Amino acid sequence: MPISIEGPTLRQASRCEPILRALPEWFGIEEANAQYLRDIESLPTFVALDRSEVVGFLTLKQHTAYAAEIHIVGVHPERHRRGIGQALLERAEAHLREAGVEYLQVKTLSGSHPDLHYRRTRLFYERMGFRPLEEFEELWGPENPCLQMIKKL
């Protein structure tokens, strides 16, 4: 049975939290996770399901009528590299295009940081058509340089 995508809907924190907890390499800061869960409650979220099991999610934040951001995305580590992230992103992009949004951005750890997990993240976004726009050395602190990537929808 193929993966199905639900959403966007609100109040999905309880369904998404197990995925967040399964990804400590990306989401290992407890106070950040608590904020992410609060955000997932109030922001539009897409959920990937394998039958009734949540295997991934993507939460959007719309900044203007023309620009939105991938606020948080996660796929269970046992399901990586199976097209779930791509399916979530494609569904979110279709939703945004229907709403007239022209640009989608994402912020991730910059390549100036040696973290291999985030290297995979950046490569995923590049494969999905995102391009590096700007690096912010102080947004998340000097130990976590931020790379803003953008895609024209």
C-alpha atoms as a PDB file:
ATOM      1  CA  MET A   1       0.000   0.000   0.000  1.00  0.00           C
ATOM      2  CA  PRO A   2       1.459   3.411  -0.919  1.00  0.00           C
ATOM      3  CA  ILE A   3       2.058   6.225   1.536  1.00  0.00           C
ATOM      4  CA  SER A   4      -0.864   8.639   1.883  1.00  0.00           C
ATOM      5  CA  ILE A   5      -0.544  12.311   2.784  1.00  0.00           C
ATOM      6  CA  GLU A   6      -3.118  14.058   4.999  1.00  0.00           C
ATOM      7  CA  GLY A   7      -3.451  17.760   5.422  1.00  0.00           C
ATOM      8  CA  PRO A   8      -2.831  20.455   5.895  1.00  0.00           C
ATOM      9  CA  THR A   9      -4.402  20.370   9.331  1.00  0.00           C
ATOM     10  CA  LEU A  10      -3.710  21.915  12.726  1.00  0.00           C
ATOM     11  CA  ARG A  11      -3.171  20.285  16.133  1.00  0.00           C
ATOM     12  CA  GLN A  12      -0.881  17.481  14.952  1.00  0.00           C
ATOM     13  CA  ALA A  13       1.774  17.647  17.717  1.00  0.00           C
ATOM     14  CA  SER A  14       0.795  14.374  19.380  1.00  0.00           C
ATOM     15  CA  ARG A  15       1.021  12.550  16.059  1.00  0.00           C
ATOM     16  CA  CYS A  16       4.338  14.186  15.070  1.00  0.00           C
ATOM     17  CA  GLU A  17       6.163  14.045  18.405  1.00  0.00           C
ATOM     18  CA  PRO A  18       7.299  10.398  18.048  1.00  0.00           C
ATOM     19  CA  ILE A  19       8.990  11.288  14.740  1.00  0.00           C
ATOM     20  CA  LEU A  20      10.733  14.269  16.336  1.00  0.00           C
ATOM     21  CA  ARG A  21      11.962  12.071  19.208  1.00  0.00           C
ATOM     22  CA  ALA A  22      13.264   9.465  16.741  1.00  0.00           C
ATOM     23  CA  LEU A  23      15.542  12.073  15.099  1.00  0.00           C
ATOM     24  CA  PRO A  24      17.902  13.307  17.857  1.00  0.00           C
ATOM     25  CA  GLU A  25      20.631  14.049  15.299  1.00  0.00           C
ATOM     26  CA  TRP A  26      18.404  16.824  13.932  1.00  0.00           C
ATOM     27  CA  PHE A  27      16.138  17.558  16.889  1.00  0.00           C
ATOM     28  CA  GLY A  28      18.249  17.050  19.994  1.00  0.00           C
ATOM     29  CA  ILE A  29      17.563  20.299  21.860  1.00  0.00           C
ATOM     30  CA  GLU A  30      14.639  19.785  24.237  1.00  0.00           C
ATOM     31  CA  GLU A  31      13.549  23.427  24.505  1.00  0.00           C
ATOM     32  CA  ALA A  32      13.580  23.704  20.693  1.00  0.00           C
ATOM     33  CA  ASN A  33      11.505  20.517  20.453  1.00  0.00           C
ATOM     34  CA  ALA A  34       8.963  21.904  22.905  1.00  0.00           C
ATOM     35  CA  GLN A  35       8.636  25.005  20.726  1.00  0.00           C
ATOM     36  CA  TYR A  36       8.353  22.900  17.565  1.00  0.00           C
ATOM     37  CA  LEU A  37       5.507  20.940  19.140  1.00  0.00           C
ATOM     38  CA  ARG A  38       3.701  24.157  20.089  1.00  0.00           C
ATOM     39  CA  ASP A  39       4.189  25.362  16.509  1.00  0.00           C
ATOM     40  CA  ILE A  40       2.866  22.104  15.039  1.00  0.00           C
ATOM     41  CA  GLU A  41      -0.304  22.647  17.046  1.00  0.00           C
ATOM     42  CA  SER A  42      -0.991  26.016  15.430  1.00  0.00           C
ATOM     43  CA  LEU A  43       0.564  25.783  11.945  1.00  0.00           C
ATOM     44  CA  PRO A  44      -0.663  23.823   8.907  1.00  0.00           C
ATOM     45  CA  THR A  45       0.913  20.375   8.927  1.00  0.00           C
ATOM     46  CA  PHE A  46       0.945  17.545   6.405  1.00  0.00           C
ATOM     47  CA  VAL A  47       1.247  14.008   7.781  1.00  0.00           C
ATOM     48  CA  ALA A  48       2.542  10.986   5.859  1.00  0.00           C
ATOM     49  CA  LEU A  49       0.824   7.725   6.738  1.00  0.00           C
ATOM     50  CA  ASP A  50       1.663   4.114   6.060  1.00  0.00           C
ATOM     51  CA  ARG A  51      -1.762   2.632   6.724  1.00  0.00           C
ATOM     52  CA  SER A  52      -2.519   4.382  10.044  1.00  0.00           C
ATOM     53  CA  GLU A  53       1.102   4.815  11.205  1.00  0.00           C
ATOM     54  CA  VAL A  54       2.567   8.316  11.001  1.00  0.00           C
ATOM     55  CA  VAL A  55       5.927   8.018   9.228  1.00  0.00           C
ATOM     56  CA  GLY A  56       6.634  11.684   8.473  1.00  0.00           C
ATOM     57  CA  PHE A  57       5.341  15.232   8.620  1.00  0.00           C
ATOM     58  CA  LEU A  58       5.935  18.714   7.222  1.00  0.00           C
ATOM     59  CA  THR A  59       4.789  21.965   8.832  1.00  0.00           C
ATOM     60  CA  LEU A  60       4.475  25.225   6.904  1.00  0.00           C
ATOM     61  CA  LYS A  61       4.597  28.841   7.973  1.00  0.00           C
ATOM     62  CA  GLN A  62       3.265  31.454   5.579  1.00  0.00           C
ATOM     63  CA  HIS A  63       5.014  34.818   5.883  1.00  0.00           C
ATOM     64  CA  THR A  64       3.213  36.814   3.169  1.00  0.00           C
ATOM     65  CA  ALA A  65       0.691  36.151   0.415  1.00  0.00           C
ATOM     66  CA  TYR A  66       3.640  35.209  -1.823  1.00  0.00           C
ATOM     67  CA  ALA A  67       6.150  33.535   0.498  1.00  0.00           C
ATOM     68  CA  ALA A  68       6.073  30.539   2.815  1.00  0.00           C
ATOM     69  CA  GLU A  69       8.600  28.494   4.746  1.00  0.00           C
ATOM     70  CA  ILE A  70       9.085  24.862   5.612  1.00  0.00           C
ATOM     71  CA  HIS A  71       9.078  25.361   9.360  1.00  0.00           C
ATOM     72  CA  ILE A  72       9.853  21.773  10.303  1.00  0.00           C
ATOM     73  CA  VAL A  73       9.952  18.451   8.517  1.00  0.00           C
ATOM     74  CA  GLY A  74      10.768  14.989   9.754  1.00  0.00           C
ATOM     75  CA  VAL A  75      10.639  11.437   8.441  1.00  0.00           C
ATOM     76  CA  HIS A  76      11.111   8.438  10.712  1.00  0.00           C
ATOM     77  CA  PRO A  77      14.749   7.300  10.353  1.00  0.00           C
ATOM     78  CA  GLU A  78      13.699   3.764   9.385  1.00  0.00           C
ATOM     79  CA  ARG A  79      11.819   5.301   6.435  1.00  0.00           C
ATOM     80  CA  HIS A  80      14.538   7.612   5.101  1.00  0.00           C
ATOM     81  CA  ARG A  81      15.341   7.497   1.381  1.00  0.00           C
ATOM     82  CA  ARG A  82      11.966   6.017   0.417  1.00  0.00           C
ATOM     83  CA  GLY A  83      10.367   9.097  -1.122  1.00  0.00           C
ATOM     84  CA  ILE A  84       8.356  10.172   1.918  1.00  0.00           C
ATOM     85  CA  GLY A  85      10.051  13.562   2.284  1.00  0.00           C
ATOM     86  CA  GLN A  86       9.628  14.168  -1.428  1.00  0.00           C
ATOM     87  CA  ALA A  87       5.930  13.213  -1.290  1.00  0.00           C
ATOM     88  CA  LEU A  88       5.349  15.557   1.664  1.00  0.00           C
ATOM     89  CA  LEU A  89       7.156  18.394  -0.097  1.00  0.00           C
ATOM     90  CA  GLU A  90       5.291  17.873  -3.384  1.00  0.00           C
ATOM     91  CA  ARG A  91       1.941  17.934  -1.578  1.00  0.00           C
ATOM     92  CA  ALA A  92       2.892  21.066   0.368  1.00  0.00           C
ATOM     93  CA  GLU A  93       4.095  22.803  -2.804  1.00  0.00           C
ATOM     94  CA  ALA A  94       0.862  21.964  -4.642  1.00  0.00           C
ATOM     95  CA  HIS A  95      -1.131  23.385  -1.726  1.00  0.00           C
ATOM     96  CA  LEU A  96       0.939  26.579  -1.727  1.00  0.00           C
ATOM     97  CA  ARG A  97       0.688  27.020  -5.509  1.00  0.00           C
ATOM     98  CA  GLU A  98      -3.117  26.723  -5.266  1.00  0.00           C
ATOM     99  CA  ALA A  99      -3.012  29.498  -2.655  1.00  0.00           C
ATOM    100  CA  GLY A 100      -0.957  31.751  -4.950  1.00  0.00           C
ATOM    101  CA  VAL A 101       2.312  31.416  -3.039  1.00  0.00           C
ATOM    102  CA  GLU A 102       5.305  31.956  -5.333  1.00  0.00           C
ATOM    103  CA  TYR A 103       8.322  31.252  -3.115  1.00  0.00           C
ATOM    104  CA  LEU A 104       9.135  28.566  -0.572  1.00  0.00           C
ATOM    105  CA  GLN A 105      12.097  28.847   1.757  1.00  0.00           C
ATOM    106  CA  VAL A 106      13.743  26.620   4.303  1.00  0.00           C
ATOM    107  CA  LYS A 107      16.416  27.299   6.889  1.00  0.00           C
ATOM    108  CA  THR A 108      18.937  24.607   7.710  1.00  0.00           C
ATOM    109  CA  LEU A 109      22.398  24.245   9.179  1.00  0.00           C
ATOM    110  CA  SER A 110      24.975  25.779   6.845  1.00  0.00           C
ATOM    111  CA  GLY A 111      27.642  23.791   5.030  1.00  0.00           C
ATOM    112  CA  SER A 112      30.234  25.766   6.983  1.00  0.00           C
ATOM    113  CA  HIS A 113      29.305  23.416   9.864  1.00  0.00           C
ATOM    114  CA  PRO A 114      30.721  19.872   9.532  1.00  0.00           C
ATOM    115  CA  ASP A 115      27.548  17.993  10.594  1.00  0.00           C
ATOM    116  CA  LEU A 116      27.020  15.068   8.176  1.00  0.00           C
ATOM    117  CA  HIS A 117      23.314  14.705   8.956  1.00  0.00           C
ATOM    118  CA  TYR A 118      22.650  18.260   7.842  1.00  0.00           C
ATOM    119  CA  ARG A 119      24.807  17.702   4.774  1.00  0.00           C
ATOM    120  CA  ARG A 120      22.251  15.058   3.762  1.00  0.00           C
ATOM    121  CA  THR A 121      19.470  17.551   4.527  1.00  0.00           C
ATOM    122  CA  ARG A 122      21.004  20.206   2.267  1.00  0.00           C
ATOM    123  CA  LEU A 123      21.498  17.657  -0.528  1.00  0.00           C
ATOM    124  CA  PHE A 124      17.837  16.650  -0.247  1.00  0.00           C
ATOM    125  CA  TYR A 125      16.693  20.254  -0.590  1.00  0.00           C
ATOM    126  CA  GLU A 126      19.029  20.810  -3.542  1.00  0.00           C
ATOM    127  CA  ARG A 127      17.581  17.726  -5.273  1.00  0.00           C
ATOM    128  CA  MET A 128      14.112  19.163  -4.656  1.00  0.00           C
ATOM    129  CA  GLY A 129      15.043  22.396  -6.440  1.00  0.00           C
ATOM    130  CA  PHE A 130      16.019  24.664  -3.545  1.00  0.00           C
ATOM    131  CA  ARG A 131      18.979  26.971  -3.986  1.00  0.00           C
ATOM    132  CA  PRO A 132      21.177  28.583  -1.317  1.00  0.00           C
ATOM    133  CA  LEU A 133      20.214  32.211  -0.821  1.00  0.00           C
ATOM    134  CA  GLU A 134      22.027  33.532   2.233  1.00  0.00           C
ATOM    135  CA  GLU A 135      23.999  32.377   5.254  1.00  0.00           C
ATOM    136  CA  PHE A 136      23.256  33.878   8.659  1.00  0.00           C
ATOM    137  CA  GLU A 137      26.115  33.294  11.072  1.00  0.00           C
ATOM    138  CA  GLU A 138      24.334  34.699  14.125  1.00  0.00           C
ATOM    139  CA  LEU A 139      20.642  33.763  13.662  1.00  0.00           C
ATOM    140  CA  TRP A 140      20.995  30.535  15.671  1.00  0.00           C
ATOM    141  CA  GLY A 141      24.302  31.509  17.271  1.00  0.00           C
ATOM    142  CA  PRO A 142      27.845  31.198  15.911  1.00  0.00           C
ATOM    143  CA  GLU A 143      27.970  27.469  16.703  1.00  0.00           C
ATOM    144  CA  ASN A 144      24.961  26.843  14.394  1.00  0.00           C
ATOM    145  CA  PRO A 145      25.319  28.903  11.208  1.00  0.00           C
ATOM    146  CA  CYS A 146      22.019  29.071   9.315  1.00  0.00           C
ATOM    147  CA  LEU A 147      21.638  28.639   5.554  1.00  0.00           C
ATOM    148  CA  GLN A 148      18.486  30.015   3.959  1.00  0.00           C
ATOM    149  CA  MET A 149      17.468  28.140   0.814  1.00  0.00           C
ATOM    150  CA  ILE A 150      14.699  29.179  -1.579  1.00  0.00           C
ATOM    151  CA  LYS A 151      12.625  27.691  -4.380  1.00  0.00           C
ATOM    152  CA  LYS A 152      10.371  29.412  -6.893  1.00  0.00           C
ATOM    153  CA  LEU A 153       7.056  27.580  -7.037  1.00  0.00           C
END
